[in-house]
Amino acid sequence: MELAAMVSNIQGMTAIAVGIIMGFGALGTAIGFGILGGRFLEGAARQPELVPMLQVKMFIVAGLLDAVTMIGVGVALFFAFANPFLSAATGIVGA
């Protein structure tokens, strides 16, 4: 396989992988926030006196949920801008 074709193939597959990583991260976060908010409202409706405690726990879990997504975005951006597959294929460090 010619080097230029191999490089373009790696770049194309990396772009698809980055899109999948970011898309599934956003989808998972949206589903997680929907479930989290629904369960918070159910708990608040059942026991209104526990709303402050439930709210604190909800925000802690929301922060953890966002942190997992941001790790995925960081990995995706690493693949997009400092592609280790491309440098391994071309043999050039920092390509």
Protein backbone atom coordinates (compact mmCIF):
# COMPACT_ATOMS: atom_id res chain seq x y z
CA MET A 1 0.00 0.00 0.00
CA GLU A 2 1.30 3.40 -0.88
CA LEU A 3 2.25 5.62 2.04
CA ALA A 4 -0.09 8.47 1.05
CA ALA A 5 -3.06 6.11 0.78
CA MET A 6 -2.23 4.54 4.11
CA VAL A 7 -1.90 7.95 5.79
CA SER A 8 -5.23 9.14 4.39
CA ASN A 9 -6.87 5.88 5.48
CA ILE A 10 -5.54 6.31 9.02
CA GLN A 11 -6.67 9.94 9.13
CA GLY A 12 -10.14 9.02 7.91
CA MET A 13 -10.58 6.18 10.37
CA THR A 14 -9.29 8.40 13.18
CA ALA A 15 -11.83 11.09 12.28
CA ILE A 16 -14.62 8.50 12.40
CA ALA A 17 -13.35 7.20 15.76
CA VAL A 18 -13.20 10.72 17.20
CA GLY A 19 -16.77 11.33 16.10
CA ILE A 20 -17.95 8.08 17.64
CA ILE A 21 -16.14 8.76 20.93
CA MET A 22 -17.59 12.26 21.24
CA GLY A 23 -21.04 11.21 20.07
CA PHE A 24 -21.36 8.32 22.49
CA GLY A 25 -19.97 10.50 25.28
CA ALA A 26 -22.66 13.11 24.63
CA LEU A 27 -25.35 10.45 24.33
CA GLY A 28 -24.32 8.75 27.55
CA THR A 29 -24.22 12.04 29.41
CA ALA A 30 -27.66 13.02 28.15
CA ILE A 31 -29.16 9.69 29.17
CA GLY A 32 -27.39 9.84 32.53
CA PHE A 33 -28.63 13.35 33.28
CA GLY A 34 -32.16 12.35 32.31
CA ILE A 35 -32.14 9.38 34.66
CA LEU A 36 -30.45 11.40 37.41
CA GLY A 37 -32.95 14.26 37.19
CA GLY A 38 -35.91 11.91 37.08
CA ARG A 39 -34.77 9.98 40.13
CA PHE A 40 -34.07 13.23 41.98
CA LEU A 41 -37.61 14.44 41.28
CA GLU A 42 -39.06 11.10 42.38
CA GLY A 43 -37.11 11.22 45.62
CA ALA A 44 -38.05 14.85 46.23
CA ALA A 45 -41.72 14.09 45.64
CA ARG A 46 -41.67 11.14 48.05
CA GLN A 47 -39.75 12.84 50.86
CA PRO A 48 -39.69 16.65 50.49
CA GLU A 49 -37.77 17.07 53.74
CA LEU A 50 -34.74 15.33 52.20
CA VAL A 51 -34.48 17.65 49.18
CA PRO A 52 -31.32 19.51 50.36
CA MET A 53 -29.44 16.25 50.97
CA LEU A 54 -30.63 14.74 47.70
CA GLN A 55 -29.70 17.89 45.82
CA VAL A 56 -26.13 17.82 47.11
CA LYS A 57 -25.75 14.18 46.12
CA MET A 58 -27.31 14.88 42.72
CA PHE A 59 -24.75 17.62 41.99
CA ILE A 60 -21.86 15.39 43.07
CA VAL A 61 -23.03 12.64 40.70
CA ALA A 62 -23.60 15.22 37.95
CA GLY A 63 -20.01 16.40 38.33
CA LEU A 64 -18.72 12.83 38.10
CA LEU A 65 -20.89 12.23 35.06
CA ASP A 66 -19.40 15.28 33.34
CA ALA A 67 -15.88 14.26 34.34
CA VAL A 68 -16.18 10.92 32.57
CA THR A 69 -17.38 12.67 29.43
CA MET A 70 -14.53 15.18 29.54
CA ILE A 71 -12.02 12.34 29.80
CA GLY A 72 -13.53 10.88 26.62
CA VAL A 73 -13.31 14.26 24.89
CA GLY A 74 -9.68 14.56 25.96
CA VAL A 75 -8.86 11.14 24.50
CA ALA A 76 -10.69 12.03 21.28
CA LEU A 77 -8.80 15.32 20.94
CA PHE A 78 -5.54 13.49 21.57
CA PHE A 79 -6.33 11.17 18.68
CA ALA A 80 -7.38 14.09 16.49
CA PHE A 81 -4.33 16.31 17.01
CA ALA A 82 -1.48 14.03 18.10
CA ASN A 83 -2.39 10.85 16.30
CA PRO A 84 -0.14 8.04 17.59
CA PHE A 85 -1.32 5.69 14.83
CA LEU A 86 -0.17 8.08 12.14
CA SER A 87 3.28 8.55 13.64
CA ALA A 88 3.67 4.78 14.07
CA ALA A 89 2.70 4.16 10.45
CA THR A 90 4.96 6.81 8.95
CA GLY A 91 7.85 6.29 11.35
CA ILE A 92 8.07 10.04 11.95
CA VAL A 93 7.98 11.19 15.56
CA GLY A 94 5.49 14.02 16.09
CA ALA A 95 3.66 13.59 12.77
